[in-house]
Amino acid sequence: MIQLPEEIKQGVFTYYQVRRDTFKAMFARYKGDKLKNYEVFYIQVHYDIIDKEWFRKEVYPKEPDFGRTAWRFDREKQALRSYHKLTEKNKSK
């Protein structure tokens, strides 16, 4: 499986991985060298074809995912709290 990179550049934003495990991740979102916020999300896996072979690939959430499987926080403490709650939620399943 192709994992999310630890650094992602998308448009004017750069995302840096802060934490992750097998099913969730937390990234810091920067515009230039200014921290804008944190994003916490369940890691989604899509299938992709590369050279006629199917691969599983982790994908960063899209805007419609926010509020359902991904969330933004202005403060690191809030983001960490949410990240750990996702752990507790999945442990009980």
Protein backbone atom coordinates (compact mmCIF):
# COMPACT_ATOMS: atom_id res chain seq x y z
CA MET A 1 0.00 0.00 0.00
CA ILE A 2 1.16 3.52 -0.77
CA GLN A 3 1.06 5.60 2.43
CA LEU A 4 0.44 9.32 2.74
CA PRO A 5 3.72 11.23 2.62
CA GLU A 6 4.84 13.07 5.75
CA GLU A 7 4.85 16.35 3.81
CA ILE A 8 2.17 17.26 1.27
CA LYS A 9 2.05 20.40 -0.89
CA GLN A 10 -1.39 21.36 -2.22
CA GLY A 11 -1.94 24.76 -3.77
CA VAL A 12 -0.72 27.45 -1.36
CA PHE A 13 -0.72 25.06 1.62
CA THR A 14 1.89 22.64 2.95
CA TYR A 15 0.81 19.88 5.32
CA TYR A 16 3.17 18.25 7.79
CA GLN A 17 2.34 15.00 9.54
CA VAL A 18 2.21 15.42 13.32
CA ARG A 19 0.87 11.98 14.31
CA ARG A 20 -0.60 8.89 12.71
CA ASP A 21 -1.41 5.27 13.26
CA THR A 22 -3.01 2.64 11.07
CA PHE A 23 -6.40 4.35 10.70
CA LYS A 24 -6.07 8.04 11.60
CA ALA A 25 -3.70 10.97 11.12
CA MET A 26 -3.06 14.52 12.28
CA PHE A 27 -1.39 17.11 10.05
CA ALA A 28 -0.38 20.74 10.64
CA ARG A 29 -1.46 23.02 7.77
CA TYR A 30 0.84 25.92 6.84
CA LYS A 31 0.49 28.77 4.38
CA GLY A 32 4.06 29.78 3.65
CA ASP A 33 5.78 29.61 7.03
CA LYS A 34 2.64 30.53 9.02
CA LEU A 35 0.74 27.78 10.85
CA LYS A 36 -2.95 28.04 9.88
CA ASN A 37 -4.51 25.08 11.72
CA TYR A 38 -4.48 21.34 12.33
CA GLU A 39 -6.40 18.63 10.49
CA VAL A 40 -7.40 15.32 12.06
CA PHE A 41 -8.95 12.58 9.95
CA TYR A 42 -9.61 8.92 9.37
CA ILE A 43 -7.22 7.67 6.69
CA GLN A 44 -9.13 6.63 3.60
CA VAL A 45 -7.78 4.13 1.10
CA HIS A 46 -8.57 4.24 -2.61
CA TYR A 47 -7.54 1.95 -5.41
CA ASP A 48 -5.39 3.27 -8.23
CA ILE A 49 -3.92 1.74 -11.38
CA ILE A 50 -0.20 2.18 -12.03
CA ASP A 51 1.28 0.44 -15.08
CA LYS A 52 -1.83 -1.77 -15.42
CA GLU A 53 -1.59 -2.96 -11.80
CA TRP A 54 -3.99 -2.13 -8.98
CA PHE A 55 -2.54 -0.50 -5.87
CA ARG A 56 -4.08 0.56 -2.59
CA LYS A 57 -3.28 4.20 -1.87
CA GLU A 58 -3.97 6.38 1.17
CA VAL A 59 -5.56 9.69 0.25
CA TYR A 60 -5.75 13.06 2.00
CA PRO A 61 -9.34 14.15 2.73
CA LYS A 62 -11.15 16.44 0.32
CA GLU A 63 -13.18 19.47 1.42
CA PRO A 64 -16.53 17.56 1.53
CA ASP A 65 -14.99 15.11 4.06
CA PHE A 66 -14.58 17.83 6.69
CA GLY A 67 -17.23 17.55 9.37
CA ARG A 68 -17.80 13.84 8.61
CA THR A 69 -14.46 11.98 8.58
CA ALA A 70 -12.06 14.92 8.93
CA TRP A 71 -11.93 17.99 11.20
CA ARG A 72 -9.95 21.27 11.44
CA PHE A 73 -8.79 22.86 14.67
CA ASP A 74 -7.07 26.16 15.39
CA ARG A 75 -5.24 24.85 18.45
CA GLU A 76 -2.96 21.85 18.75
CA LYS A 77 -4.51 20.84 22.07
CA GLN A 78 -7.98 20.62 20.48
CA ALA A 79 -6.61 18.60 17.56
CA LEU A 80 -4.80 16.18 19.87
CA ARG A 81 -7.97 15.69 21.93
CA SER A 82 -9.91 14.85 18.77
CA TYR A 83 -7.13 12.56 17.52
CA HIS A 84 -7.22 10.56 20.77
CA LYS A 85 -11.02 10.38 20.73
CA LEU A 86 -10.85 8.74 17.32
CA THR A 87 -8.62 6.11 18.94
CA GLU A 88 -11.14 5.47 21.70
CA LYS A 89 -14.04 5.33 19.24
CA ASN A 90 -12.33 2.69 17.10
CA LYS A 91 -11.16 0.60 20.05
CA SER A 92 -14.76 0.06 21.08
CA LYS A 93 -15.82 -1.23 17.62
